[in-house]
């Protein structure tokens, strides 16, 4: 099966569409293109029990973000402040940009 190129990029503002975190909004921290998964700030937090090490001398329980599948997220447009689909447009100088399907605004450049 041919995988599509993800339209979600680092620092995009996204909303969660399904699951226990439904309706929450956060910024994208990292994108794993191969697995089509995204880490979103303060979303899908899990607790990990860690042993003491150089970074964390005491050890204990650490909360960190777990990945979410790209299909469960939707980008929020900066101009119209609504969840939207993403389109592509070629500018006069030949560069490709992502655009909001609702208002036509350029996303995250």
PDB file of N, CA and C in Angstrom:
ATOM      1  N   UNK A   1       0.838  -1.184   0.000  1.00  0.00           N
ATOM      2  CA  UNK A   1       0.000   0.000   0.000  1.00  0.00           C
ATOM      3  C   UNK A   1       0.880   1.243   0.000  1.00  0.00           C
ATOM      4  N   UNK A   2       0.559   2.190  -0.835  1.00  0.00           N
ATOM      5  CA  UNK A   2       1.313   3.423  -0.936  1.00  0.00           C
ATOM      6  C   UNK A   2       0.862   4.400   0.136  1.00  0.00           C
ATOM      7  N   UNK A   3       1.800   4.881   0.935  1.00  0.00           N
ATOM      8  CA  UNK A   3       1.463   5.830   1.993  1.00  0.00           C
ATOM      9  C   UNK A   3       1.479   7.244   1.436  1.00  0.00           C
ATOM     10  N   UNK A   4       0.526   8.069   1.919  1.00  0.00           N
ATOM     11  CA  UNK A   4       0.471   9.463   1.503  1.00  0.00           C
ATOM     12  C   UNK A   4       1.431  10.278   2.344  1.00  0.00           C
ATOM     13  N   UNK A   5       1.903  11.368   1.779  1.00  0.00           N
ATOM     14  CA  UNK A   5       2.765  12.282   2.507  1.00  0.00           C
ATOM     15  C   UNK A   5       1.936  13.010   3.560  1.00  0.00           C
ATOM     16  N   UNK A   6       2.346  13.020   4.827  1.00  0.00           N
ATOM     17  CA  UNK A   6       1.532  13.674   5.858  1.00  0.00           C
ATOM     18  C   UNK A   6       1.464  15.188   5.663  1.00  0.00           C
ATOM     19  N   UNK A   7       0.268  15.746   5.841  1.00  0.00           N
ATOM     20  CA  UNK A   7       0.085  17.190   5.692  1.00  0.00           C
ATOM     21  C   UNK A   7       0.327  17.918   7.012  1.00  0.00           C
ATOM     22  N   UNK A   8       0.444  17.168   8.097  1.00  0.00           N
ATOM     23  CA  UNK A   8       0.703  17.773   9.403  1.00  0.00           C
ATOM     24  C   UNK A   8       2.212  17.885   9.601  1.00  0.00           C
ATOM     25  N   UNK A   9       2.664  19.068  10.042  1.00  0.00           N
ATOM     26  CA  UNK A   9       4.089  19.310  10.252  1.00  0.00           C
ATOM     27  C   UNK A   9       4.339  19.798  11.669  1.00  0.00           C
ATOM     28  N   UNK A  10       5.605  19.853  12.058  1.00  0.00           N
ATOM     29  CA  UNK A  10       6.012  20.327  13.378  1.00  0.00           C
ATOM     30  C   UNK A  10       5.513  21.762  13.591  1.00  0.00           C
ATOM     31  N   UNK A  11       5.089  22.053  14.809  1.00  0.00           N
ATOM     32  CA  UNK A  11       4.580  23.365  15.249  1.00  0.00           C
ATOM     33  C   UNK A  11       3.200  23.714  14.703  1.00  0.00           C
ATOM     34  N   UNK A  12       2.506  22.783  14.020  1.00  0.00           N
ATOM     35  CA  UNK A  12       1.125  23.022  13.610  1.00  0.00           C
ATOM     36  C   UNK A  12       0.214  22.926  14.829  1.00  0.00           C
ATOM     37  N   UNK A  13      -0.863  23.698  14.816  1.00  0.00           N
ATOM     38  CA  UNK A  13      -1.881  23.620  15.867  1.00  0.00           C
ATOM     39  C   UNK A  13      -2.923  22.614  15.395  1.00  0.00           C
ATOM     40  N   UNK A  14      -3.181  21.565  16.200  1.00  0.00           N
ATOM     41  CA  UNK A  14      -4.106  20.508  15.793  1.00  0.00           C
ATOM     42  C   UNK A  14      -5.149  20.243  16.867  1.00  0.00           C
ATOM     43  N   UNK A  15      -6.268  19.634  16.440  1.00  0.00           N
ATOM     44  CA  UNK A  15      -7.313  19.198  17.360  1.00  0.00           C
ATOM     45  C   UNK A  15      -7.457  17.689  17.214  1.00  0.00           C
ATOM     46  N   UNK A  16      -7.731  17.007  18.329  1.00  0.00           N
ATOM     47  CA  UNK A  16      -7.894  15.557  18.327  1.00  0.00           C
ATOM     48  C   UNK A  16      -9.348  15.239  17.999  1.00  0.00           C
ATOM     49  N   UNK A  17      -9.563  14.353  17.021  1.00  0.00           N
ATOM     50  CA  UNK A  17     -10.911  14.030  16.560  1.00  0.00           C
ATOM     51  C   UNK A  17     -11.542  12.841  17.263  1.00  0.00           C
ATOM     52  N   UNK A  18     -10.726  11.866  17.683  1.00  0.00           N
ATOM     53  CA  UNK A  18     -11.281  10.648  18.283  1.00  0.00           C
ATOM     54  C   UNK A  18     -10.466  10.220  19.497  1.00  0.00           C
ATOM     55  N   UNK A  19     -11.035   9.320  20.288  1.00  0.00           N
ATOM     56  CA  UNK A  19     -10.331   8.751  21.426  1.00  0.00           C
ATOM     57  C   UNK A  19     -10.595   9.489  22.721  1.00  0.00           C
ATOM     58  N   UNK A  20      -9.851   9.118  23.756  1.00  0.00           N
ATOM     59  CA  UNK A  20     -10.075   9.692  25.090  1.00  0.00           C
ATOM     60  C   UNK A  20      -9.709  11.169  25.168  1.00  0.00           C
ATOM     61  N   UNK A  21      -8.884  11.647  24.243  1.00  0.00           N
ATOM     62  CA  UNK A  21      -8.453  13.054  24.232  1.00  0.00           C
ATOM     63  C   UNK A  21      -9.265  13.896  23.254  1.00  0.00           C
ATOM     64  N   UNK A  22     -10.407  13.403  22.798  1.00  0.00           N
ATOM     65  CA  UNK A  22     -11.225  14.074  21.775  1.00  0.00           C
ATOM     66  C   UNK A  22     -11.543  15.518  22.154  1.00  0.00           C
ATOM     67  N   UNK A  23     -11.331  16.439  21.195  1.00  0.00           N
ATOM     68  CA  UNK A  23     -11.650  17.850  21.410  1.00  0.00           C
ATOM     69  C   UNK A  23     -10.515  18.687  21.959  1.00  0.00           C
ATOM     70  N   UNK A  24      -9.428  18.049  22.396  1.00  0.00           N
ATOM     71  CA  UNK A  24      -8.296  18.793  22.946  1.00  0.00           C
ATOM     72  C   UNK A  24      -7.424  19.360  21.828  1.00  0.00           C
ATOM     73  N   UNK A  25      -6.822  20.521  22.118  1.00  0.00           N
ATOM     74  CA  UNK A  25      -6.002  21.220  21.130  1.00  0.00           C
ATOM     75  C   UNK A  25      -4.570  21.306  21.636  1.00  0.00           C
ATOM     76  N   UNK A  26      -3.601  21.112  20.739  1.00  0.00           N
ATOM     77  CA  UNK A  26      -2.195  21.211  21.118  1.00  0.00           C
ATOM     78  C   UNK A  26      -1.318  21.450  19.912  1.00  0.00           C
ATOM     79  N   UNK A  27      -0.043  21.718  20.169  1.00  0.00           N
ATOM     80  CA  UNK A  27       0.943  21.932  19.109  1.00  0.00           C
ATOM     81  C   UNK A  27       1.708  20.648  18.848  1.00  0.00           C
ATOM     82  N   UNK A  28       2.041  20.405  17.585  1.00  0.00           N
ATOM     83  CA  UNK A  28       2.777  19.206  17.198  1.00  0.00           C
ATOM     84  C   UNK A  28       4.239  19.353  17.598  1.00  0.00           C
ATOM     85  N   UNK A  29       4.757  18.345  18.317  1.00  0.00           N
ATOM     86  CA  UNK A  29       6.161  18.342  18.735  1.00  0.00           C
ATOM     87  C   UNK A  29       7.040  17.670  17.685  1.00  0.00           C
ATOM     88  N   UNK A  30       6.672  16.446  17.284  1.00  0.00           N
ATOM     89  CA  UNK A  30       7.421  15.721  16.259  1.00  0.00           C
ATOM     90  C   UNK A  30       6.463  14.914  15.389  1.00  0.00           C
ATOM     91  N   UNK A  31       6.908  14.601  14.166  1.00  0.00           N
ATOM     92  CA  UNK A  31       6.122  13.795  13.236  1.00  0.00           C
ATOM     93  C   UNK A  31       6.976  12.614  12.797  1.00  0.00           C
ATOM     94  N   UNK A  32       6.425  11.386  12.926  1.00  0.00           N
ATOM     95  CA  UNK A  32       7.081  10.177  12.434  1.00  0.00           C
ATOM     96  C   UNK A  32       6.397   9.799  11.119  1.00  0.00           C
ATOM     97  N   UNK A  33       7.017  10.163   9.995  1.00  0.00           N
ATOM     98  CA  UNK A  33       6.387   9.963   8.685  1.00  0.00           C
ATOM     99  C   UNK A  33       6.197   8.486   8.363  1.00  0.00           C
ATOM    100  N   UNK A  34       7.156   7.657   8.727  1.00  0.00           N
ATOM    101  CA  UNK A  34       7.081   6.237   8.404  1.00  0.00           C
ATOM    102  C   UNK A  34       5.917   5.534   9.072  1.00  0.00           C
ATOM    103  N   UNK A  35       5.693   5.819  10.356  1.00  0.00           N
ATOM    104  CA  UNK A  35       4.611   5.180  11.104  1.00  0.00           C
ATOM    105  C   UNK A  35       3.322   5.990  11.050  1.00  0.00           C
ATOM    106  N   UNK A  36       3.362   7.176  10.413  1.00  0.00           N
ATOM    107  CA  UNK A  36       2.221   8.092  10.332  1.00  0.00           C
ATOM    108  C   UNK A  36       1.682   8.439  11.720  1.00  0.00           C
ATOM    109  N   UNK A  37       2.599   8.732  12.637  1.00  0.00           N
ATOM    110  CA  UNK A  37       2.216   9.081  13.998  1.00  0.00           C
ATOM    111  C   UNK A  37       2.821  10.419  14.393  1.00  0.00           C
ATOM    112  N   UNK A  38       2.153  11.088  15.342  1.00  0.00           N
ATOM    113  CA  UNK A  38       2.512  12.445  15.723  1.00  0.00           C
ATOM    114  C   UNK A  38       2.535  12.551  17.239  1.00  0.00           C
ATOM    115  N   UNK A  39       3.518  13.287  17.780  1.00  0.00           N
ATOM    116  CA  UNK A  39       3.548  13.612  19.197  1.00  0.00           C
ATOM    117  C   UNK A  39       2.991  15.021  19.352  1.00  0.00           C
ATOM    118  N   UNK A  40       1.938  15.173  20.194  1.00  0.00           N
ATOM    119  CA  UNK A  40       1.293  16.462  20.392  1.00  0.00           C
ATOM    120  C   UNK A  40       1.490  16.892  21.844  1.00  0.00           C
ATOM    121  N   UNK A  41       1.824  18.168  22.037  1.00  0.00           N
ATOM    122  CA  UNK A  41       2.121  18.730  23.350  1.00  0.00           C
ATOM    123  C   UNK A  41       0.929  18.575  24.300  1.00  0.00           C
ATOM    124  N   UNK A  42       1.163  17.980  25.473  1.00  0.00           N
ATOM    125  CA  UNK A  42       0.179  17.804  26.544  1.00  0.00           C
ATOM    126  C   UNK A  42      -1.028  16.942  26.151  1.00  0.00           C
ATOM    127  N   UNK A  43      -0.908  16.131  25.093  1.00  0.00           N
ATOM    128  CA  UNK A  43      -1.992  15.251  24.646  1.00  0.00           C
ATOM    129  C   UNK A  43      -1.502  13.808  24.701  1.00  0.00           C
ATOM    130  N   UNK A  44      -2.396  12.895  25.104  1.00  0.00           N
ATOM    131  CA  UNK A  44      -2.104  11.464  25.181  1.00  0.00           C
ATOM    132  C   UNK A  44      -0.920  11.188  26.113  1.00  0.00           C
ATOM    133  N   UNK A  45      -0.983  11.738  27.324  1.00  0.00           N
ATOM    134  CA  UNK A  45       0.086  11.547  28.300  1.00  0.00           C
ATOM    135  C   UNK A  45       0.022  10.144  28.894  1.00  0.00           C
ATOM    136  N   UNK A  46       1.187   9.506  29.029  1.00  0.00           N
ATOM    137  CA  UNK A  46       1.297   8.197  29.655  1.00  0.00           C
ATOM    138  C   UNK A  46       2.321   8.277  30.783  1.00  0.00           C
ATOM    139  N   UNK A  47       2.193   7.372  31.756  1.00  0.00           N
ATOM    140  CA  UNK A  47       3.138   7.350  32.871  1.00  0.00           C
ATOM    141  C   UNK A  47       4.143   6.234  32.655  1.00  0.00           C
ATOM    142  N   UNK A  48       5.420   6.558  32.812  1.00  0.00           N
ATOM    143  CA  UNK A  48       6.497   5.587  32.661  1.00  0.00           C
ATOM    144  C   UNK A  48       7.265   5.501  33.976  1.00  0.00           C
ATOM    145  N   UNK A  49       7.510   4.283  34.415  1.00  0.00           N
ATOM    146  CA  UNK A  49       8.289   4.073  35.633  1.00  0.00           C
ATOM    147  C   UNK A  49       9.753   3.965  35.227  1.00  0.00           C
ATOM    148  N   UNK A  50      10.588   4.848  35.761  1.00  0.00           N
ATOM    149  CA  UNK A  50      11.987   4.881  35.350  1.00  0.00           C
ATOM    150  C   UNK A  50      12.923   4.587  36.510  1.00  0.00           C
ATOM    151  N   UNK A  51      14.022   3.940  36.182  1.00  0.00           N
ATOM    152  CA  UNK A  51      15.074   3.703  37.167  1.00  0.00           C
ATOM    153  C   UNK A  51      15.931   4.949  37.278  1.00  0.00           C
ATOM    154  N   UNK A  52      16.612   5.130  38.380  1.00  0.00           N
ATOM    155  CA  UNK A  52      17.529   6.277  38.494  1.00  0.00           C
ATOM    156  C   UNK A  52      18.629   6.183  37.433  1.00  0.00           C
ATOM    157  N   UNK A  53      18.928   7.318  36.804  1.00  0.00           N
ATOM    158  CA  UNK A  53      19.997   7.377  35.809  1.00  0.00           C
ATOM    159  C   UNK A  53      20.632   8.762  35.851  1.00  0.00           C
ATOM    160  N   UNK A  54      21.533   9.040  34.914  1.00  0.00           N
ATOM    161  CA  UNK A  54      22.246  10.318  34.916  1.00  0.00           C
ATOM    162  C   UNK A  54      21.289  11.500  34.724  1.00  0.00           C
ATOM    163  N   UNK A  55      20.286  11.325  33.887  1.00  0.00           N
ATOM    164  CA  UNK A  55      19.345  12.409  33.623  1.00  0.00           C
ATOM    165  C   UNK A  55      18.386  12.628  34.791  1.00  0.00           C
ATOM    166  N   UNK A  56      17.898  11.532  35.360  1.00  0.00           N
ATOM    167  CA  UNK A  56      16.932  11.589  36.455  1.00  0.00           C
ATOM    168  C   UNK A  56      17.518  10.799  37.634  1.00  0.00           C
ATOM    169  N   UNK A  57      18.188  11.502  38.530  1.00  0.00           N
ATOM    170  CA  UNK A  57      18.939  10.841  39.604  1.00  0.00           C
ATOM    171  C   UNK A  57      18.045  10.042  40.555  1.00  0.00           C
ATOM    172  N   UNK A  58      16.820  10.508  40.779  1.00  0.00           N
ATOM    173  CA  UNK A  58      15.951   9.842  41.741  1.00  0.00           C
ATOM    174  C   UNK A  58      15.122   8.725  41.115  1.00  0.00           C
ATOM    175  N   UNK A  59      14.828   8.817  39.817  1.00  0.00           N
ATOM    176  CA  UNK A  59      13.951   7.838  39.190  1.00  0.00           C
ATOM    177  C   UNK A  59      12.504   8.163  39.530  1.00  0.00           C
ATOM    178  N   UNK A  60      11.613   7.180  39.409  1.00  0.00           N
ATOM    179  CA  UNK A  60      10.213   7.388  39.761  1.00  0.00           C
ATOM    180  C   UNK A  60       9.299   7.341  38.556  1.00  0.00           C
ATOM    181  N   UNK A  61       8.124   7.957  38.708  1.00  0.00           N
ATOM    182  CA  UNK A  61       7.121   7.939  37.648  1.00  0.00           C
ATOM    183  C   UNK A  61       7.202   9.232  36.850  1.00  0.00           C
ATOM    184  N   UNK A  62       7.362   9.096  35.531  1.00  0.00           N
ATOM    185  CA  UNK A  62       7.505  10.248  34.641  1.00  0.00           C
ATOM    186  C   UNK A  62       6.342  10.260  33.651  1.00  0.00           C
ATOM    187  N   UNK A  63       5.702  11.425  33.473  1.00  0.00           N
ATOM    188  CA  UNK A  63       4.643  11.558  32.477  1.00  0.00           C
ATOM    189  C   UNK A  63       5.223  12.111  31.192  1.00  0.00           C
ATOM    190  N   UNK A  64       4.892  11.463  30.055  1.00  0.00           N
ATOM    191  CA  UNK A  64       5.357  11.966  28.775  1.00  0.00           C
ATOM    192  C   UNK A  64       4.318  11.679  27.704  1.00  0.00           C
ATOM    193  N   UNK A  65       4.458  12.368  26.558  1.00  0.00           N
ATOM    194  CA  UNK A  65       3.505  12.214  25.470  1.00  0.00           C
ATOM    195  C   UNK A  65       3.730  10.900  24.727  1.00  0.00           C
ATOM    196  N   UNK A  66       2.625  10.274  24.337  1.00  0.00           N
ATOM    197  CA  UNK A  66       2.677   9.096  23.483  1.00  0.00           C
ATOM    198  C   UNK A  66       2.183   9.505  22.098  1.00  0.00           C
ATOM    199  N   UNK A  67       2.585   8.770  21.051  1.00  0.00           N
ATOM    200  CA  UNK A  67       2.184   9.176  19.698  1.00  0.00           C
ATOM    201  C   UNK A  67       0.704   8.923  19.406  1.00  0.00           C
ATOM    202  N   UNK A  68       0.151   9.743  18.508  1.00  0.00           N
ATOM    203  CA  UNK A  68      -1.227   9.615  18.035  1.00  0.00           C
ATOM    204  C   UNK A  68      -1.166   9.449  16.522  1.00  0.00           C
ATOM    205  N   UNK A  69      -2.063   8.647  15.966  1.00  0.00           N
ATOM    206  CA  UNK A  69      -2.081   8.461  14.515  1.00  0.00           C
ATOM    207  C   UNK A  69      -2.549   9.742  13.831  1.00  0.00           C
ATOM    208  N   UNK A  70      -1.956  10.035  12.683  1.00  0.00           N
ATOM    209  CA  UNK A  70      -2.261  11.265  11.942  1.00  0.00           C
ATOM    210  C   UNK A  70      -3.737  11.368  11.579  1.00  0.00           C
ATOM    211  N   UNK A  71      -4.391  10.229  11.324  1.00  0.00           N
ATOM    212  CA  UNK A  71      -5.793  10.249  10.909  1.00  0.00           C
ATOM    213  C   UNK A  71      -6.720  10.726  12.020  1.00  0.00           C
ATOM    214  N   UNK A  72      -6.245  10.750  13.250  1.00  0.00           N
ATOM    215  CA  UNK A  72      -7.065  11.188  14.379  1.00  0.00           C
ATOM    216  C   UNK A  72      -6.898  12.671  14.689  1.00  0.00           C
ATOM    217  N   UNK A  73      -6.193  13.400  13.837  1.00  0.00           N
ATOM    218  CA  UNK A  73      -5.926  14.821  14.061  1.00  0.00           C
ATOM    219  C   UNK A  73      -6.399  15.653  12.881  1.00  0.00           C
ATOM    220  N   UNK A  74      -6.699  16.925  13.149  1.00  0.00           N
ATOM    221  CA  UNK A  74      -7.061  17.859  12.088  1.00  0.00           C
ATOM    222  C   UNK A  74      -6.390  19.192  12.394  1.00  0.00           C
ATOM    223  N   UNK A  75      -5.851  19.827  11.370  1.00  0.00           N
ATOM    224  CA  UNK A  75      -5.156  21.110  11.533  1.00  0.00           C
ATOM    225  C   UNK A  75      -6.160  22.215  11.808  1.00  0.00           C
ATOM    226  N   UNK A  76      -5.771  23.168  12.677  1.00  0.00           N
ATOM    227  CA  UNK A  76      -6.583  24.347  12.954  1.00  0.00           C
ATOM    228  C   UNK A  76      -5.945  25.530  12.227  1.00  0.00           C
ATOM    229  N   UNK A  77      -6.750  26.231  11.435  1.00  0.00           N
ATOM    230  CA  UNK A  77      -6.286  27.394  10.671  1.00  0.00           C
ATOM    231  C   UNK A  77      -6.056  28.571  11.613  1.00  0.00           C
ATOM    232  N   UNK A  78      -4.997  29.342  11.370  1.00  0.00           N
ATOM    233  CA  UNK A  78      -4.693  30.508  12.200  1.00  0.00           C
ATOM    234  C   UNK A  78      -5.684  31.644  11.979  1.00  0.00           C
ATOM    235  N   UNK A  79      -6.154  31.807  10.748  1.00  0.00           N
ATOM    236  CA  UNK A  79      -7.037  32.927  10.422  1.00  0.00           C
ATOM    237  C   UNK A  79      -8.481  32.674  10.869  1.00  0.00           C
ATOM    238  N   UNK A  80      -9.072  31.558  10.414  1.00  0.00           N
ATOM    239  CA  UNK A  80     -10.485  31.305  10.729  1.00  0.00           C
ATOM    240  C   UNK A  80     -10.663  30.529  12.038  1.00  0.00           C
ATOM    241  N   UNK A  81      -9.578  30.054  12.656  1.00  0.00           N
ATOM    242  CA  UNK A  81      -9.581  29.376  13.966  1.00  0.00           C
ATOM    243  C   UNK A  81     -10.533  28.186  14.015  1.00  0.00           C
ATOM    244  N   UNK A  82     -10.650  27.456  12.906  1.00  0.00           N
ATOM    245  CA  UNK A  82     -11.495  26.270  12.852  1.00  0.00           C
ATOM    246  C   UNK A  82     -10.698  25.088  12.316  1.00  0.00           C
ATOM    247  N   UNK A  83     -11.094  23.848  12.702  1.00  0.00           N
ATOM    248  CA  UNK A  83     -10.458  22.669  12.109  1.00  0.00           C
ATOM    249  C   UNK A  83     -10.746  22.648  10.612  1.00  0.00           C
ATOM    250  N   UNK A  84      -9.737  22.336   9.821  1.00  0.00           N
ATOM    251  CA  UNK A  84      -9.896  22.410   8.372  1.00  0.00           C
ATOM    252  C   UNK A  84      -9.100  21.329   7.666  1.00  0.00           C
ATOM    253  N   UNK A  85      -9.503  21.061   6.425  1.00  0.00           N
ATOM    254  CA  UNK A  85      -8.703  20.211   5.552  1.00  0.00           C
ATOM    255  C   UNK A  85      -7.607  21.066   4.938  1.00  0.00           C
ATOM    256  N   UNK A  86      -6.605  20.405   4.383  1.00  0.00           N
ATOM    257  CA  UNK A  86      -5.458  21.126   3.843  1.00  0.00           C
ATOM    258  C   UNK A  86      -5.391  20.924   2.339  1.00  0.00           C
ATOM    259  N   UNK A  87      -5.238  22.028   1.615  1.00  0.00           N
ATOM    260  CA  UNK A  87      -5.046  21.978   0.175  1.00  0.00           C
ATOM    261  C   UNK A  87      -3.641  22.438  -0.158  1.00  0.00           C
ATOM    262  N   UNK A  88      -3.265  22.309  -1.427  1.00  0.00           N
ATOM    263  CA  UNK A  88      -1.939  22.760  -1.865  1.00  0.00           C
ATOM    264  C   UNK A  88      -2.122  23.804  -2.961  1.00  0.00           C
ATOM    265  N   UNK A  89      -1.207  24.766  -2.990  1.00  0.00           N
ATOM    266  CA  UNK A  89      -1.238  25.799  -4.018  1.00  0.00           C
ATOM    267  C   UNK A  89       0.192  26.099  -4.439  1.00  0.00           C
ATOM    268  N   UNK A  90       0.387  26.365  -5.718  1.00  0.00           N
ATOM    269  CA  UNK A  90       1.701  26.743  -6.218  1.00  0.00           C
ATOM    270  C   UNK A  90       1.708  28.258  -6.393  1.00  0.00           C
ATOM    271  N   UNK A  91       2.660  28.910  -5.747  1.00  0.00           N
ATOM    272  CA  UNK A  91       2.760  30.367  -5.810  1.00  0.00           C
ATOM    273  C   UNK A  91       3.441  30.813  -7.099  1.00  0.00           C
ATOM    274  N   UNK A  92       3.473  32.130  -7.330  1.00  0.00           N
ATOM    275  CA  UNK A  92       4.070  32.686  -8.546  1.00  0.00           C
ATOM    276  C   UNK A  92       5.551  32.345  -8.676  1.00  0.00           C
ATOM    277  N   UNK A  93       6.257  32.249  -7.541  1.00  0.00           N
ATOM    278  CA  UNK A  93       7.690  31.944  -7.588  1.00  0.00           C
ATOM    279  C   UNK A  93       7.971  30.455  -7.758  1.00  0.00           C
ATOM    280  N   UNK A  94       6.914  29.625  -7.842  1.00  0.00           N
ATOM    281  CA  UNK A  94       7.076  28.197  -8.088  1.00  0.00           C
ATOM    282  C   UNK A  94       7.089  27.336  -6.837  1.00  0.00           C
ATOM    283  N   UNK A  95       6.988  27.933  -5.648  1.00  0.00           N
ATOM    284  CA  UNK A  95       7.012  27.150  -4.414  1.00  0.00           C
ATOM    285  C   UNK A  95       5.619  26.638  -4.070  1.00  0.00           C
ATOM    286  N   UNK A  96       5.568  25.428  -3.484  1.00  0.00           N
ATOM    287  CA  UNK A  96       4.303  24.830  -3.065  1.00  0.00           C
ATOM    288  C   UNK A  96       4.032  25.219  -1.620  1.00  0.00           C
ATOM    289  N   UNK A  97       2.782  25.553  -1.305  1.00  0.00           N
ATOM    290  CA  UNK A  97       2.393  25.873   0.065  1.00  0.00           C
ATOM    291  C   UNK A  97       1.104  25.145   0.421  1.00  0.00           C
ATOM    292  N   UNK A  98       0.892  24.952   1.722  1.00  0.00           N
ATOM    293  CA  UNK A  98      -0.349  24.365   2.207  1.00  0.00           C
ATOM    294  C   UNK A  98      -1.343  25.496   2.464  1.00  0.00           C
ATOM    295  N   UNK A  99      -2.611  25.283   2.108  1.00  0.00           N
ATOM    296  CA  UNK A  99      -3.631  26.317   2.305  1.00  0.00           C
ATOM    297  C   UNK A  99      -4.845  25.726   3.014  1.00  0.00           C
ATOM    298  N   UNK A 100      -5.555  26.577   3.742  1.00  0.00           N
ATOM    299  CA  UNK A 100      -6.799  26.225   4.414  1.00  0.00           C
ATOM    300  C   UNK A 100      -7.892  26.071   3.368  1.00  0.00           C
ATOM    301  N   UNK A 101      -8.661  24.974   3.406  1.00  0.00           N
ATOM    302  CA  UNK A 101      -9.729  24.753   2.444  1.00  0.00           C
ATOM    303  C   UNK A 101     -10.931  25.648   2.712  1.00  0.00           C
ATOM    304  N   UNK A 102     -11.060  26.174   3.937  1.00  0.00           N
ATOM    305  CA  UNK A 102     -12.222  26.999   4.267  1.00  0.00           C
ATOM    306  C   UNK A 102     -12.017  28.463   3.866  1.00  0.00           C
ATOM    307  N   UNK A 103     -10.850  29.031   4.202  1.00  0.00           N
ATOM    308  CA  UNK A 103     -10.658  30.470   3.954  1.00  0.00           C
ATOM    309  C   UNK A 103      -9.558  30.768   2.931  1.00  0.00           C
ATOM    310  N   UNK A 104      -8.765  29.772   2.552  1.00  0.00           N
ATOM    311  CA  UNK A 104      -7.722  29.984   1.553  1.00  0.00           C
ATOM    312  C   UNK A 104      -6.433  30.546   2.096  1.00  0.00           C
ATOM    313  N   UNK A 105      -6.318  30.714   3.408  1.00  0.00           N
ATOM    314  CA  UNK A 105      -5.120  31.269   4.035  1.00  0.00           C
ATOM    315  C   UNK A 105      -3.968  30.267   3.965  1.00  0.00           C
ATOM    316  N   UNK A 106      -2.742  30.776   3.790  1.00  0.00           N
ATOM    317  CA  UNK A 106      -1.542  29.919   3.777  1.00  0.00           C
ATOM    318  C   UNK A 106      -1.267  29.436   5.198  1.00  0.00           C
ATOM    319  N   UNK A 107      -0.999  28.139   5.357  1.00  0.00           N
ATOM    320  CA  UNK A 107      -0.779  27.534   6.673  1.00  0.00           C
ATOM    321  C   UNK A 107       0.696  27.415   7.001  1.00  0.00           C
ATOM    322  N   UNK A 108       1.069  27.883   8.190  1.00  0.00           N
ATOM    323  CA  UNK A 108       2.357  27.629   8.814  1.00  0.00           C
ATOM    324  C   UNK A 108       3.600  27.892   8.020  1.00  0.00           C
ATOM    325  N   UNK A 109       3.719  29.000   7.379  1.00  0.00           N
ATOM    326  CA  UNK A 109       4.967  29.306   6.667  1.00  0.00           C
ATOM    327  C   UNK A 109       5.653  30.473   7.313  1.00  0.00           C
TER     328      UNK A 109
END
